Each structure stands twice: as structure tokens, then as C-alpha cells.
Amino acid sequence: MANDEPQSLDDLAAEGDMQDDMLGRIADLEAERDEFRDKFMRALADTENTRKRSERDRREAENYGGSKLARDMLPVYDNMRRALQSVEEEGKEVNKALLEGIEITMRELISVFKKHGIDPIVPAVGDKFDPQIHQAMFEAPLPGTKAGDIIQVAAEGFMLHDRLLRPAQVGVSSMPAS
């Protein structure tokens, strides 16, 4: 049986209120969905940032974690170099086996340094002083040089990958401009 009777105003008002309630509920659910989507996207970005930070920290630990040990090994290198340089020409033949042992040990130490990303900074007399990789141990006016020229190398410096492990220790000319 079909109901052809017109709806009363109360029925129409109730139906309109019900539609308004449903539209309000839909709007609330959409806002809640958008809030959850925003939280999800932020959590995803935080996770990606944490992954990148962890990867960077792992790389740094791998590259620079041994810097204290490397720094402690530099005096061994310096002492072996001094030992090789201190031998007089006439003493070389007498101490040939000892010198050969020191040279082999020195080559092995340099090989281990290279394997772990430690490279020497070897300035030469006449090079320009660079405060980023050199440490001035003294200044002296030396005729025939310009101010800022290296006039003596006291000790080699070292880089650990792209970081300065120890600056090269040098003497620098303080010759005034003429």
C-alpha cells in the first residue's frame, strides 16, 4: 500500500535534522581522517629522517671511530722516521739489517694508515703556509723567502679521510716585504 499522503512539516524537519546530523558526522569523520593522514605522513618522515641519521652516524663511526688510536700511532711513525734519518752515511752499512727492518716496519705502518684512510700531509720547503693543514712552530726572517713561505718542516701532518688528524708542524718565514 503506497503512502501518497503529504509529509507533515514535523516529518520534513526531522528528516532535515537527520540529514544535517549525517552531514556533520561525515565532516567530522573526514577531519579525523585528514588528521590521521597528517600524523601518518609526519611519522613516515620522522622514520626516514631517523634512518638517514642512523646511516650517517654509522658511516662516521666507521670512518672516524679509530681516530684516537690513529692519533696515538703518529708518534710511533715520527720516531721511526727520526730513527731512519738519524743514521750517518758510514753507519748505514754497519746497521744495514736493522735499518732494513725499520724500513719494512715503516712501509707496513704506512700501508695500514692508507687502508684506514689516513693520508700524510707532506709540505715542502717553499710551499705557502696554510693554517687549515699546517701549524706554525716558529717564525723567522730568512733572506730569499717571502712572508708565509714554509722554511722548515718539523713533522708531517695527517688527514683521516676528510678531517685533520694532526697538522703538519712547520717553520714559517716572517721576512718583511722589501
N, C-alpha and C. Protein backbone atom coordinates (compact mmCIF):
# COMPACT_ATOMS: atom_id res chain seq x y z
N MET A 1 0.84 -1.16 0.00
CA MET A 1 0.00 0.00 0.00
C MET A 1 0.89 1.22 0.00
N ALA A 2 0.71 2.04 -0.98
CA ALA A 2 1.51 3.23 -1.16
C ALA A 2 0.99 4.34 -0.28
N ASN A 3 1.92 5.06 0.26
CA ASN A 3 1.56 6.16 1.14
C ASN A 3 1.70 7.44 0.35
N ASP A 4 0.56 7.94 -0.20
CA ASP A 4 0.58 9.13 -1.03
C ASP A 4 0.29 10.38 -0.22
N GLU A 5 0.19 10.21 1.07
CA GLU A 5 -0.12 11.37 1.90
C GLU A 5 1.09 12.30 1.97
N PRO A 6 0.87 13.57 1.92
CA PRO A 6 1.99 14.50 2.05
C PRO A 6 2.56 14.40 3.46
N GLN A 7 3.85 14.59 3.54
CA GLN A 7 4.51 14.51 4.84
C GLN A 7 4.21 15.79 5.61
N SER A 8 4.15 15.63 6.89
CA SER A 8 3.89 16.79 7.72
C SER A 8 5.17 17.60 7.86
N LEU A 9 5.03 18.83 8.27
CA LEU A 9 6.19 19.70 8.47
C LEU A 9 7.12 19.13 9.53
N ASP A 10 6.57 18.51 10.53
CA ASP A 10 7.40 17.90 11.58
C ASP A 10 8.26 16.77 11.00
N ASP A 11 7.64 15.97 10.11
CA ASP A 11 8.38 14.87 9.49
C ASP A 11 9.51 15.41 8.61
N LEU A 12 9.20 16.46 7.86
CA LEU A 12 10.23 17.07 6.99
C LEU A 12 11.34 17.69 7.84
N ALA A 13 11.00 18.31 8.93
CA ALA A 13 12.01 18.92 9.81
C ALA A 13 12.88 17.84 10.42
N ALA A 14 12.27 16.74 10.83
CA ALA A 14 13.04 15.64 11.43
C ALA A 14 13.98 15.03 10.40
N GLU A 15 13.47 14.89 9.15
CA GLU A 15 14.31 14.34 8.09
C GLU A 15 15.48 15.28 7.79
N GLY A 16 15.25 16.57 7.78
CA GLY A 16 16.29 17.57 7.55
C GLY A 16 17.32 17.56 8.67
N ASP A 17 16.84 17.41 9.93
CA ASP A 17 17.76 17.33 11.08
C ASP A 17 18.64 16.09 10.96
N MET A 18 18.04 14.99 10.52
CA MET A 18 18.78 13.75 10.37
C MET A 18 19.84 13.89 9.27
N GLN A 19 19.52 14.56 8.18
CA GLN A 19 20.49 14.80 7.11
C GLN A 19 21.61 15.71 7.61
N ASP A 20 21.25 16.75 8.38
CA ASP A 20 22.26 17.65 8.94
C ASP A 20 23.20 16.88 9.87
N ASP A 21 22.60 15.99 10.69
CA ASP A 21 23.41 15.17 11.60
C ASP A 21 24.36 14.28 10.81
N MET A 22 23.87 13.69 9.73
CA MET A 22 24.71 12.81 8.91
C MET A 22 25.81 13.60 8.21
N LEU A 23 25.45 14.78 7.69
CA LEU A 23 26.47 15.62 7.05
C LEU A 23 27.51 16.07 8.07
N GLY A 24 27.08 16.40 9.27
CA GLY A 24 28.01 16.79 10.33
C GLY A 24 28.92 15.64 10.71
N ARG A 25 28.37 14.45 10.81
CA ARG A 25 29.15 13.25 11.15
C ARG A 25 30.17 12.95 10.05
N ILE A 26 29.73 13.10 8.78
CA ILE A 26 30.65 12.88 7.65
C ILE A 26 31.79 13.89 7.71
N ALA A 27 31.48 15.14 7.98
CA ALA A 27 32.52 16.18 8.08
C ALA A 27 33.48 15.86 9.22
N ASP A 28 32.95 15.39 10.37
CA ASP A 28 33.81 15.01 11.49
C ASP A 28 34.72 13.85 11.12
N LEU A 29 34.17 12.85 10.43
CA LEU A 29 34.98 11.70 10.01
C LEU A 29 36.05 12.11 9.00
N GLU A 30 35.71 13.02 8.09
CA GLU A 30 36.72 13.50 7.13
C GLU A 30 37.83 14.26 7.83
N ALA A 31 37.49 15.08 8.82
CA ALA A 31 38.50 15.82 9.58
C ALA A 31 39.39 14.86 10.35
N GLU A 32 38.77 13.84 10.95
CA GLU A 32 39.55 12.84 11.70
C GLU A 32 40.47 12.07 10.75
N ARG A 33 39.97 11.71 9.55
CA ARG A 33 40.78 11.03 8.54
C ARG A 33 41.97 11.90 8.13
N ASP A 34 41.72 13.18 7.90
CA ASP A 34 42.80 14.09 7.50
C ASP A 34 43.84 14.22 8.61
N GLU A 35 43.39 14.25 9.85
CA GLU A 35 44.31 14.34 10.99
C GLU A 35 45.18 13.09 11.07
N PHE A 36 44.56 11.90 10.89
CA PHE A 36 45.33 10.66 10.90
C PHE A 36 46.30 10.59 9.73
N ARG A 37 45.88 11.07 8.56
CA ARG A 37 46.77 11.09 7.39
C ARG A 37 47.98 11.99 7.68
N ASP A 38 47.73 13.15 8.26
CA ASP A 38 48.81 14.07 8.60
C ASP A 38 49.78 13.43 9.60
N LYS A 39 49.23 12.78 10.64
CA LYS A 39 50.09 12.11 11.63
C LYS A 39 50.90 10.99 10.98
N PHE A 40 50.25 10.25 10.08
CA PHE A 40 50.94 9.16 9.39
C PHE A 40 52.09 9.71 8.53
N MET A 41 51.84 10.78 7.80
CA MET A 41 52.88 11.36 6.94
C MET A 41 54.04 11.90 7.77
N ARG A 42 53.73 12.52 8.90
CA ARG A 42 54.80 13.00 9.80
C ARG A 42 55.61 11.84 10.37
N ALA A 43 54.91 10.77 10.77
CA ALA A 43 55.61 9.60 11.30
C ALA A 43 56.50 8.97 10.23
N LEU A 44 56.02 8.93 9.00
CA LEU A 44 56.80 8.41 7.88
C LEU A 44 58.05 9.27 7.66
N ALA A 45 57.89 10.59 7.70
CA ALA A 45 59.03 11.49 7.52
C ALA A 45 60.02 11.34 8.69
N ASP A 46 59.51 11.22 9.91
CA ASP A 46 60.39 11.03 11.07
C ASP A 46 61.18 9.73 10.95
N THR A 47 60.52 8.68 10.49
CA THR A 47 61.19 7.39 10.31
C THR A 47 62.29 7.51 9.27
N GLU A 48 62.02 8.18 8.17
CA GLU A 48 63.03 8.36 7.12
C GLU A 48 64.21 9.20 7.64
N ASN A 49 63.92 10.25 8.38
CA ASN A 49 64.99 11.08 8.95
C ASN A 49 65.84 10.27 9.94
N THR A 50 65.19 9.44 10.74
CA THR A 50 65.92 8.60 11.69
C THR A 50 66.80 7.60 10.96
N ARG A 51 66.29 7.03 9.87
CA ARG A 51 67.09 6.10 9.07
C ARG A 51 68.32 6.79 8.48
N LYS A 52 68.12 7.99 7.94
CA LYS A 52 69.24 8.74 7.36
C LYS A 52 70.26 9.11 8.43
N ARG A 53 69.78 9.56 9.60
CA ARG A 53 70.68 9.93 10.70
C ARG A 53 71.47 8.71 11.17
N SER A 54 70.81 7.56 11.27
CA SER A 54 71.49 6.33 11.70
C SER A 54 72.55 5.93 10.68
N GLU A 55 72.24 6.05 9.41
CA GLU A 55 73.20 5.72 8.36
C GLU A 55 74.41 6.66 8.43
N ARG A 56 74.15 7.95 8.62
CA ARG A 56 75.25 8.92 8.73
C ARG A 56 76.11 8.63 9.96
N ASP A 57 75.45 8.34 11.10
CA ASP A 57 76.19 8.02 12.32
C ASP A 57 77.03 6.75 12.16
N ARG A 58 76.47 5.76 11.47
CA ARG A 58 77.22 4.52 11.23
C ARG A 58 78.44 4.79 10.36
N ARG A 59 78.25 5.60 9.29
CA ARG A 59 79.37 5.94 8.41
C ARG A 59 80.45 6.70 9.17
N GLU A 60 80.04 7.67 9.99
CA GLU A 60 81.02 8.44 10.77
C GLU A 60 81.76 7.55 11.75
N ALA A 61 81.04 6.64 12.41
CA ALA A 61 81.69 5.73 13.36
C ALA A 61 82.69 4.84 12.62
N GLU A 62 82.32 4.39 11.44
CA GLU A 62 83.21 3.55 10.64
C GLU A 62 84.45 4.33 10.20
N ASN A 63 84.26 5.57 9.74
CA ASN A 63 85.38 6.36 9.23
C ASN A 63 86.24 6.99 10.31
N TYR A 64 85.61 7.43 11.39
CA TYR A 64 86.34 8.23 12.37
C TYR A 64 86.41 7.61 13.76
N GLY A 65 85.84 6.42 13.92
CA GLY A 65 85.82 5.77 15.24
C GLY A 65 87.22 5.46 15.76
N GLY A 66 88.16 5.21 14.87
CA GLY A 66 89.52 4.87 15.28
C GLY A 66 90.46 6.06 15.33
N SER A 67 89.91 7.27 15.33
CA SER A 67 90.78 8.45 15.27
C SER A 67 91.68 8.58 16.50
N LYS A 68 91.21 8.17 17.67
CA LYS A 68 92.04 8.25 18.87
C LYS A 68 93.23 7.30 18.75
N LEU A 69 92.97 6.07 18.32
CA LEU A 69 94.06 5.11 18.12
C LEU A 69 95.02 5.63 17.04
N ALA A 70 94.47 6.14 15.95
CA ALA A 70 95.32 6.66 14.87
C ALA A 70 96.20 7.80 15.39
N ARG A 71 95.61 8.71 16.15
CA ARG A 71 96.37 9.82 16.71
C ARG A 71 97.49 9.32 17.63
N ASP A 72 97.20 8.25 18.39
CA ASP A 72 98.20 7.68 19.29
C ASP A 72 99.32 6.97 18.53
N MET A 73 99.07 6.55 17.29
CA MET A 73 100.08 5.87 16.49
C MET A 73 101.04 6.84 15.78
N LEU A 74 100.66 8.09 15.69
CA LEU A 74 101.50 9.06 14.96
C LEU A 74 102.89 9.23 15.58
N PRO A 75 103.04 9.27 16.91
CA PRO A 75 104.40 9.35 17.46
C PRO A 75 105.27 8.14 17.10
N VAL A 76 104.67 6.98 16.93
CA VAL A 76 105.42 5.80 16.50
C VAL A 76 105.99 6.05 15.10
N TYR A 77 105.15 6.58 14.23
CA TYR A 77 105.58 6.93 12.87
C TYR A 77 106.72 7.96 12.93
N ASP A 78 106.52 9.02 13.74
CA ASP A 78 107.54 10.06 13.86
C ASP A 78 108.87 9.50 14.36
N ASN A 79 108.83 8.65 15.37
CA ASN A 79 110.06 8.08 15.93
C ASN A 79 110.77 7.17 14.94
N MET A 80 110.00 6.40 14.18
CA MET A 80 110.64 5.54 13.17
C MET A 80 111.28 6.39 12.07
N ARG A 81 110.62 7.46 11.67
CA ARG A 81 111.18 8.35 10.65
C ARG A 81 112.48 9.01 11.18
N ARG A 82 112.43 9.46 12.42
CA ARG A 82 113.65 10.06 13.02
C ARG A 82 114.79 9.04 13.09
N ALA A 83 114.46 7.79 13.44
CA ALA A 83 115.49 6.75 13.51
C ALA A 83 116.15 6.55 12.15
N LEU A 84 115.33 6.53 11.10
CA LEU A 84 115.89 6.35 9.75
C LEU A 84 116.73 7.55 9.33
N GLN A 85 116.30 8.75 9.70
CA GLN A 85 117.01 9.97 9.29
C GLN A 85 118.29 10.20 10.10
N SER A 86 118.37 9.62 11.29
CA SER A 86 119.49 9.92 12.17
C SER A 86 120.74 9.10 11.85
N VAL A 87 120.62 8.09 11.04
CA VAL A 87 121.76 7.22 10.75
C VAL A 87 122.72 7.95 9.80
N GLU A 88 123.97 8.01 10.22
CA GLU A 88 125.02 8.63 9.40
C GLU A 88 125.31 7.73 8.19
N GLU A 89 125.84 8.31 7.15
CA GLU A 89 126.11 7.57 5.91
C GLU A 89 127.04 6.38 6.18
N GLU A 90 128.09 6.58 7.00
CA GLU A 90 129.02 5.47 7.24
C GLU A 90 128.42 4.39 8.14
N GLY A 91 127.39 4.74 8.90
CA GLY A 91 126.75 3.76 9.78
C GLY A 91 125.70 2.92 9.07
N LYS A 92 125.35 3.29 7.86
CA LYS A 92 124.31 2.57 7.12
C LYS A 92 124.71 1.13 6.82
N GLU A 93 125.96 0.93 6.44
CA GLU A 93 126.41 -0.42 6.09
C GLU A 93 126.50 -1.29 7.34
N VAL A 94 126.95 -0.72 8.45
CA VAL A 94 127.08 -1.48 9.69
C VAL A 94 125.71 -1.90 10.21
N ASN A 95 124.73 -1.00 10.11
CA ASN A 95 123.39 -1.26 10.65
C ASN A 95 122.38 -1.62 9.54
N LYS A 96 122.87 -2.20 8.47
CA LYS A 96 122.03 -2.46 7.30
C LYS A 96 120.79 -3.30 7.65
N ALA A 97 120.96 -4.38 8.37
CA ALA A 97 119.83 -5.26 8.70
C ALA A 97 118.82 -4.53 9.59
N LEU A 98 119.31 -3.79 10.57
CA LEU A 98 118.43 -3.04 11.47
C LEU A 98 117.65 -1.98 10.69
N LEU A 99 118.33 -1.24 9.84
CA LEU A 99 117.67 -0.20 9.03
C LEU A 99 116.64 -0.81 8.08
N GLU A 100 116.98 -1.96 7.51
CA GLU A 100 116.05 -2.63 6.61
C GLU A 100 114.79 -3.05 7.38
N GLY A 101 114.94 -3.53 8.59
CA GLY A 101 113.80 -3.91 9.44
C GLY A 101 112.93 -2.70 9.77
N ILE A 102 113.57 -1.58 10.08
CA ILE A 102 112.81 -0.36 10.38
C ILE A 102 112.07 0.12 9.14
N GLU A 103 112.73 0.06 7.98
CA GLU A 103 112.08 0.49 6.73
C GLU A 103 110.88 -0.39 6.39
N ILE A 104 111.02 -1.69 6.58
CA ILE A 104 109.90 -2.62 6.31
C ILE A 104 108.74 -2.32 7.26
N THR A 105 109.07 -2.10 8.53
CA THR A 105 108.04 -1.78 9.53
C THR A 105 107.36 -0.46 9.17
N MET A 106 108.15 0.50 8.74
CA MET A 106 107.61 1.82 8.35
C MET A 106 106.67 1.69 7.16
N ARG A 107 107.07 0.90 6.15
CA ARG A 107 106.20 0.68 4.99
C ARG A 107 104.90 0.01 5.41
N GLU A 108 104.97 -0.96 6.31
CA GLU A 108 103.77 -1.65 6.77
C GLU A 108 102.86 -0.68 7.54
N LEU A 109 103.45 0.17 8.36
CA LEU A 109 102.66 1.16 9.11
C LEU A 109 101.96 2.12 8.14
N ILE A 110 102.67 2.58 7.13
CA ILE A 110 102.08 3.47 6.13
C ILE A 110 100.96 2.75 5.37
N SER A 111 101.16 1.48 5.07
CA SER A 111 100.13 0.68 4.38
C SER A 111 98.87 0.56 5.25
N VAL A 112 99.04 0.33 6.53
CA VAL A 112 97.89 0.24 7.44
C VAL A 112 97.20 1.59 7.53
N PHE A 113 97.98 2.67 7.61
CA PHE A 113 97.39 4.02 7.62
C PHE A 113 96.52 4.22 6.38
N LYS A 114 97.06 3.92 5.21
CA LYS A 114 96.31 4.12 3.96
C LYS A 114 95.04 3.27 3.94
N LYS A 115 95.15 2.03 4.41
CA LYS A 115 94.00 1.13 4.45
C LYS A 115 92.86 1.71 5.28
N HIS A 116 93.20 2.49 6.29
CA HIS A 116 92.19 3.07 7.18
C HIS A 116 91.92 4.55 6.89
N GLY A 117 92.34 5.03 5.73
CA GLY A 117 92.01 6.39 5.30
C GLY A 117 92.88 7.47 5.92
N ILE A 118 94.06 7.11 6.39
CA ILE A 118 94.97 8.10 6.98
C ILE A 118 96.02 8.43 5.92
N ASP A 119 96.03 9.70 5.52
CA ASP A 119 96.97 10.14 4.48
C ASP A 119 97.88 11.22 5.05
N PRO A 120 99.18 11.16 4.71
CA PRO A 120 100.11 12.17 5.22
C PRO A 120 99.95 13.52 4.52
N ILE A 121 100.22 14.56 5.25
CA ILE A 121 100.32 15.91 4.70
C ILE A 121 101.82 16.19 4.70
N VAL A 122 102.41 16.27 3.52
CA VAL A 122 103.86 16.40 3.41
C VAL A 122 104.19 17.74 2.75
N PRO A 123 104.29 18.81 3.54
CA PRO A 123 104.66 20.09 2.94
C PRO A 123 106.14 20.10 2.58
N ALA A 124 106.49 20.95 1.65
CA ALA A 124 107.89 21.08 1.25
C ALA A 124 108.35 22.50 1.55
N VAL A 125 109.65 22.65 1.75
CA VAL A 125 110.23 23.98 1.95
C VAL A 125 109.90 24.80 0.71
N GLY A 126 109.37 26.00 0.92
CA GLY A 126 108.99 26.88 -0.18
C GLY A 126 107.49 26.90 -0.42
N ASP A 127 106.77 25.89 0.08
CA ASP A 127 105.30 25.90 -0.03
C ASP A 127 104.74 27.06 0.77
N LYS A 128 103.53 27.46 0.43
CA LYS A 128 102.84 28.53 1.16
C LYS A 128 102.20 27.94 2.41
N PHE A 129 102.31 28.64 3.53
CA PHE A 129 101.70 28.21 4.80
C PHE A 129 100.19 28.24 4.66
N ASP A 130 99.53 27.16 5.05
CA ASP A 130 98.07 27.05 5.03
C ASP A 130 97.61 26.71 6.45
N PRO A 131 96.97 27.64 7.14
CA PRO A 131 96.57 27.39 8.54
C PRO A 131 95.54 26.27 8.69
N GLN A 132 94.93 25.83 7.58
CA GLN A 132 93.97 24.73 7.65
C GLN A 132 94.65 23.38 7.85
N ILE A 133 95.89 23.25 7.38
CA ILE A 133 96.59 21.96 7.47
C ILE A 133 98.00 22.07 8.07
N HIS A 134 98.45 23.29 8.34
CA HIS A 134 99.79 23.49 8.92
C HIS A 134 99.68 24.16 10.28
N GLN A 135 100.66 23.85 11.13
CA GLN A 135 100.78 24.53 12.42
C GLN A 135 102.16 25.20 12.43
N ALA A 136 102.19 26.52 12.62
CA ALA A 136 103.46 27.25 12.65
C ALA A 136 104.12 27.03 14.00
N MET A 137 105.29 26.42 13.99
CA MET A 137 106.03 26.17 15.23
C MET A 137 106.92 27.37 15.58
N PHE A 138 107.34 28.10 14.55
CA PHE A 138 108.14 29.31 14.77
C PHE A 138 108.09 30.16 13.52
N GLU A 139 108.44 31.43 13.67
CA GLU A 139 108.60 32.34 12.54
C GLU A 139 110.01 32.89 12.59
N ALA A 140 110.62 33.06 11.44
CA ALA A 140 111.97 33.61 11.38
C ALA A 140 112.14 34.33 10.05
N PRO A 141 112.85 35.45 10.07
CA PRO A 141 113.14 36.12 8.79
C PRO A 141 114.28 35.39 8.08
N LEU A 142 114.00 34.88 6.92
CA LEU A 142 115.02 34.16 6.16
C LEU A 142 115.18 34.85 4.81
N PRO A 143 116.36 35.40 4.54
CA PRO A 143 116.57 36.08 3.26
C PRO A 143 116.29 35.15 2.08
N GLY A 144 115.71 35.71 1.05
CA GLY A 144 115.41 34.94 -0.15
C GLY A 144 114.04 34.27 -0.10
N THR A 145 113.27 34.54 0.95
CA THR A 145 111.92 33.96 1.05
C THR A 145 110.91 35.09 1.20
N LYS A 146 109.66 34.74 1.03
CA LYS A 146 108.57 35.70 1.24
C LYS A 146 107.87 35.34 2.54
N ALA A 147 107.25 36.33 3.16
CA ALA A 147 106.49 36.08 4.38
C ALA A 147 105.41 35.03 4.09
N GLY A 148 105.29 34.04 4.96
CA GLY A 148 104.29 33.00 4.78
C GLY A 148 104.80 31.76 4.07
N ASP A 149 106.06 31.79 3.61
CA ASP A 149 106.64 30.60 2.99
C ASP A 149 107.12 29.63 4.07
N ILE A 150 106.98 28.35 3.82
CA ILE A 150 107.49 27.34 4.75
C ILE A 150 109.00 27.27 4.57
N ILE A 151 109.72 27.39 5.68
CA ILE A 151 111.19 27.36 5.62
C ILE A 151 111.77 26.10 6.27
N GLN A 152 110.94 25.38 7.03
CA GLN A 152 111.39 24.13 7.64
C GLN A 152 110.17 23.27 7.96
N VAL A 153 110.32 21.96 7.79
CA VAL A 153 109.25 21.02 8.15
C VAL A 153 109.73 20.22 9.35
N ALA A 154 109.05 20.40 10.49
CA ALA A 154 109.42 19.69 11.71
C ALA A 154 108.75 18.32 11.77
N ALA A 155 107.49 18.23 11.36
CA ALA A 155 106.78 16.95 11.38
C ALA A 155 105.67 16.97 10.33
N GLU A 156 105.46 15.82 9.71
CA GLU A 156 104.38 15.70 8.74
C GLU A 156 103.04 15.73 9.48
N GLY A 157 102.02 16.14 8.75
CA GLY A 157 100.67 16.11 9.30
C GLY A 157 99.92 14.94 8.70
N PHE A 158 98.69 14.73 9.19
CA PHE A 158 97.89 13.61 8.69
C PHE A 158 96.42 13.99 8.62
N MET A 159 95.77 13.47 7.58
CA MET A 159 94.32 13.60 7.42
C MET A 159 93.71 12.22 7.64
N LEU A 160 92.57 12.19 8.30
CA LEU A 160 91.78 10.96 8.43
C LEU A 160 90.56 11.18 7.57
N HIS A 161 90.55 10.56 6.41
CA HIS A 161 89.53 10.80 5.37
C HIS A 161 89.53 12.30 5.06
N ASP A 162 88.49 13.02 5.43
CA ASP A 162 88.45 14.46 5.11
C ASP A 162 88.63 15.33 6.35
N ARG A 163 89.06 14.74 7.45
CA ARG A 163 89.28 15.50 8.69
C ARG A 163 90.76 15.56 9.03
N LEU A 164 91.16 16.69 9.59
CA LEU A 164 92.55 16.86 10.00
C LEU A 164 92.79 16.07 11.28
N LEU A 165 93.73 15.13 11.21
CA LEU A 165 94.10 14.34 12.37
C LEU A 165 95.19 15.05 13.15
N ARG A 166 96.19 15.55 12.41
CA ARG A 166 97.26 16.35 13.02
C ARG A 166 97.81 17.27 11.95
N PRO A 167 97.94 18.58 12.28
CA PRO A 167 98.52 19.48 11.28
C PRO A 167 100.02 19.23 11.11
N ALA A 168 100.52 19.53 9.93
CA ALA A 168 101.97 19.46 9.70
C ALA A 168 102.61 20.60 10.49
N GLN A 169 103.69 20.29 11.18
CA GLN A 169 104.37 21.29 12.00
C GLN A 169 105.52 21.88 11.19
N VAL A 170 105.43 23.20 11.01
CA VAL A 170 106.38 23.86 10.10
C VAL A 170 106.92 25.15 10.70
N GLY A 171 108.07 25.56 10.17
CA GLY A 171 108.62 26.89 10.44
C GLY A 171 108.23 27.78 9.27
N VAL A 172 107.92 29.03 9.57
CA VAL A 172 107.39 29.94 8.54
C VAL A 172 108.27 31.19 8.48
N SER A 173 108.49 31.68 7.26
CA SER A 173 109.26 32.90 7.05
C SER A 173 108.44 34.12 7.48
N SER A 174 109.11 35.02 8.17
CA SER A 174 108.46 36.28 8.55
C SER A 174 109.18 37.45 7.86
N MET A 175 109.80 37.14 6.74
CA MET A 175 110.58 38.14 6.01
C MET A 175 109.68 39.31 5.62
N PRO A 176 110.02 40.54 6.02
CA PRO A 176 109.20 41.68 5.65
C PRO A 176 109.31 41.95 4.14
N ALA A 177 108.24 42.48 3.59
CA ALA A 177 108.24 42.83 2.16
C ALA A 177 109.26 43.92 1.92
N SER A 178 110.02 43.79 0.84
CA SER A 178 111.04 44.81 0.57
C SER A 178 110.64 45.73 -0.53
